[in-house]
Amino acid sequence: MGPSGDWWRFVPAEQLRRRRFKAWRLRWKERLRRRGVAIALAFLCYGLVVIALLLHLPPLVGLLALAPMVLLPLLGYLTYWLLWKEFHE
């Protein structure tokens, strides 16, 4: 039986595999649309690129590729702090 109920027994045998695959695909599609999962996948992909650069090129190139990941949150915080200071003092 399928994970969502007993209605799978009413699906014709020739359509069962296709419908289960479609349901599985839709579940994964919805999971990947979640914000947290998308952010995690983006960081994972970027991390894999950085690791590949560190393994195949001089370390300086890998560190340059890692710089946006480290510096962007700092720049965002600095911008937030400057704007807050401008409007509250």
C-alpha atoms as a PDB file:
ATOM      1  CA  MET A   1       0.000   0.000   0.000  1.00  0.00           C
ATOM      2  CA  GLY A   2       1.034   3.584  -0.526  1.00  0.00           C
ATOM      3  CA  PRO A   3       2.049   5.800   2.365  1.00  0.00           C
ATOM      4  CA  SER A   4      -0.997   8.070   2.109  1.00  0.00           C
ATOM      5  CA  GLY A   5      -3.840   5.572   2.347  1.00  0.00           C
ATOM      6  CA  ASP A   6      -5.681   2.592   0.926  1.00  0.00           C
ATOM      7  CA  TRP A   7      -6.762   4.166  -2.365  1.00  0.00           C
ATOM      8  CA  TRP A   8      -3.769   2.577  -4.114  1.00  0.00           C
ATOM      9  CA  ARG A   9      -5.606  -0.737  -4.316  1.00  0.00           C
ATOM     10  CA  PHE A  10      -8.169   0.859  -6.654  1.00  0.00           C
ATOM     11  CA  VAL A  11      -5.549   2.039  -9.149  1.00  0.00           C
ATOM     12  CA  PRO A  12      -5.343  -0.260 -12.187  1.00  0.00           C
ATOM     13  CA  ALA A  13      -2.214  -2.402 -12.181  1.00  0.00           C
ATOM     14  CA  GLU A  14      -0.900  -0.927 -15.439  1.00  0.00           C
ATOM     15  CA  GLN A  15      -1.037   2.613 -13.971  1.00  0.00           C
ATOM     16  CA  LEU A  16       0.227   1.802 -10.495  1.00  0.00           C
ATOM     17  CA  ARG A  17       3.956   2.238 -11.138  1.00  0.00           C
ATOM     18  CA  ARG A  18       3.510   5.484 -13.082  1.00  0.00           C
ATOM     19  CA  ARG A  19       1.222   6.998 -10.432  1.00  0.00           C
ATOM     20  CA  ARG A  20       3.522   6.024  -7.576  1.00  0.00           C
ATOM     21  CA  PHE A  21       6.466   7.568  -9.382  1.00  0.00           C
ATOM     22  CA  LYS A  22       4.466  10.736 -10.028  1.00  0.00           C
ATOM     23  CA  ALA A  23       3.467  10.944  -6.344  1.00  0.00           C
ATOM     24  CA  TRP A  24       7.084  10.403  -5.288  1.00  0.00           C
ATOM     25  CA  ARG A  25       8.251  13.099  -7.711  1.00  0.00           C
ATOM     26  CA  LEU A  26       5.645  15.591  -6.451  1.00  0.00           C
ATOM     27  CA  ARG A  27       6.648  14.952  -2.824  1.00  0.00           C
ATOM     28  CA  TRP A  28      10.311  15.642  -3.624  1.00  0.00           C
ATOM     29  CA  LYS A  29       9.399  18.708  -5.661  1.00  0.00           C
ATOM     30  CA  GLU A  30       7.530  20.157  -2.682  1.00  0.00           C
ATOM     31  CA  ARG A  31      10.406  19.364  -0.335  1.00  0.00           C
ATOM     32  CA  LEU A  32      12.873  21.147  -2.599  1.00  0.00           C
ATOM     33  CA  ARG A  33      10.652  24.243  -2.752  1.00  0.00           C
ATOM     34  CA  ARG A  34      11.012  24.835   0.983  1.00  0.00           C
ATOM     35  CA  ARG A  35      13.212  27.799   1.783  1.00  0.00           C
ATOM     36  CA  GLY A  36      15.455  25.975   4.257  1.00  0.00           C
ATOM     37  CA  VAL A  37      16.117  23.101   1.890  1.00  0.00           C
ATOM     38  CA  ALA A  38      16.882  25.482  -0.981  1.00  0.00           C
ATOM     39  CA  ILE A  39      19.372  27.410   1.169  1.00  0.00           C
ATOM     40  CA  ALA A  40      21.005  24.202   2.376  1.00  0.00           C
ATOM     41  CA  LEU A  41      21.329  22.917  -1.199  1.00  0.00           C
ATOM     42  CA  ALA A  42      22.842  26.207  -2.339  1.00  0.00           C
ATOM     43  CA  PHE A  43      25.438  26.082   0.448  1.00  0.00           C
ATOM     44  CA  LEU A  44      26.150  22.429  -0.276  1.00  0.00           C
ATOM     45  CA  CYS A  45      26.696  23.082  -3.992  1.00  0.00           C
ATOM     46  CA  TYR A  46      28.883  26.088  -3.271  1.00  0.00           C
ATOM     47  CA  GLY A  47      30.854  24.092  -0.720  1.00  0.00           C
ATOM     48  CA  LEU A  48      31.442  21.322  -3.256  1.00  0.00           C
ATOM     49  CA  VAL A  49      32.745  23.874  -5.752  1.00  0.00           C
ATOM     50  CA  VAL A  50      35.111  25.323  -3.142  1.00  0.00           C
ATOM     51  CA  ILE A  51      36.366  21.861  -2.165  1.00  0.00           C
ATOM     52  CA  ALA A  52      36.938  20.990  -5.831  1.00  0.00           C
ATOM     53  CA  LEU A  53      38.889  24.215  -6.304  1.00  0.00           C
ATOM     54  CA  LEU A  54      40.970  23.565  -3.191  1.00  0.00           C
ATOM     55  CA  LEU A  55      41.806  20.052  -4.363  1.00  0.00           C
ATOM     56  CA  HIS A  56      42.681  20.881  -7.970  1.00  0.00           C
ATOM     57  CA  LEU A  57      44.053  24.418  -7.879  1.00  0.00           C
ATOM     58  CA  PRO A  58      46.389  26.350  -5.599  1.00  0.00           C
ATOM     59  CA  PRO A  59      44.866  27.037  -2.164  1.00  0.00           C
ATOM     60  CA  LEU A  60      44.681  30.775  -2.832  1.00  0.00           C
ATOM     61  CA  VAL A  61      42.099  30.253  -5.589  1.00  0.00           C
ATOM     62  CA  GLY A  62      39.962  28.133  -3.266  1.00  0.00           C
ATOM     63  CA  LEU A  63      40.168  30.757  -0.550  1.00  0.00           C
ATOM     64  CA  LEU A  64      39.122  33.434  -3.034  1.00  0.00           C
ATOM     65  CA  ALA A  65      36.099  31.309  -3.922  1.00  0.00           C
ATOM     66  CA  LEU A  66      35.295  30.951  -0.222  1.00  0.00           C
ATOM     67  CA  ALA A  67      35.558  34.700   0.417  1.00  0.00           C
ATOM     68  CA  PRO A  68      31.989  35.653  -0.668  1.00  0.00           C
ATOM     69  CA  MET A  69      30.560  33.020   1.649  1.00  0.00           C
ATOM     70  CA  VAL A  70      32.426  34.549   4.583  1.00  0.00           C
ATOM     71  CA  LEU A  71      32.317  38.225   3.654  1.00  0.00           C
ATOM     72  CA  LEU A  72      28.715  38.558   2.462  1.00  0.00           C
ATOM     73  CA  PRO A  73      27.092  37.995   5.888  1.00  0.00           C
ATOM     74  CA  LEU A  74      29.573  40.458   7.404  1.00  0.00           C
ATOM     75  CA  LEU A  75      28.750  43.036   4.748  1.00  0.00           C
ATOM     76  CA  GLY A  76      25.019  42.508   5.338  1.00  0.00           C
ATOM     77  CA  TYR A  77      25.438  43.006   9.079  1.00  0.00           C
ATOM     78  CA  LEU A  78      27.552  46.125   8.518  1.00  0.00           C
ATOM     79  CA  THR A  79      24.880  47.566   6.206  1.00  0.00           C
ATOM     80  CA  TYR A  80      22.143  46.799   8.734  1.00  0.00           C
ATOM     81  CA  TRP A  81      24.149  48.371  11.556  1.00  0.00           C
ATOM     82  CA  LEU A  82      24.912  51.544   9.561  1.00  0.00           C
ATOM     83  CA  LEU A  83      21.268  51.971   8.548  1.00  0.00           C
ATOM     84  CA  TRP A  84      20.070  51.396  12.096  1.00  0.00           C
ATOM     85  CA  LYS A  85      22.593  53.898  13.400  1.00  0.00           C
ATOM     86  CA  GLU A  86      21.619  56.467  10.780  1.00  0.00           C
ATOM     87  CA  PHE A  87      17.921  56.349  11.644  1.00  0.00           C
ATOM     88  CA  HIS A  88      18.138  55.905  15.425  1.00  0.00           C
ATOM     89  CA  GLU A  89      20.783  58.437  16.397  1.00  0.00           C
END
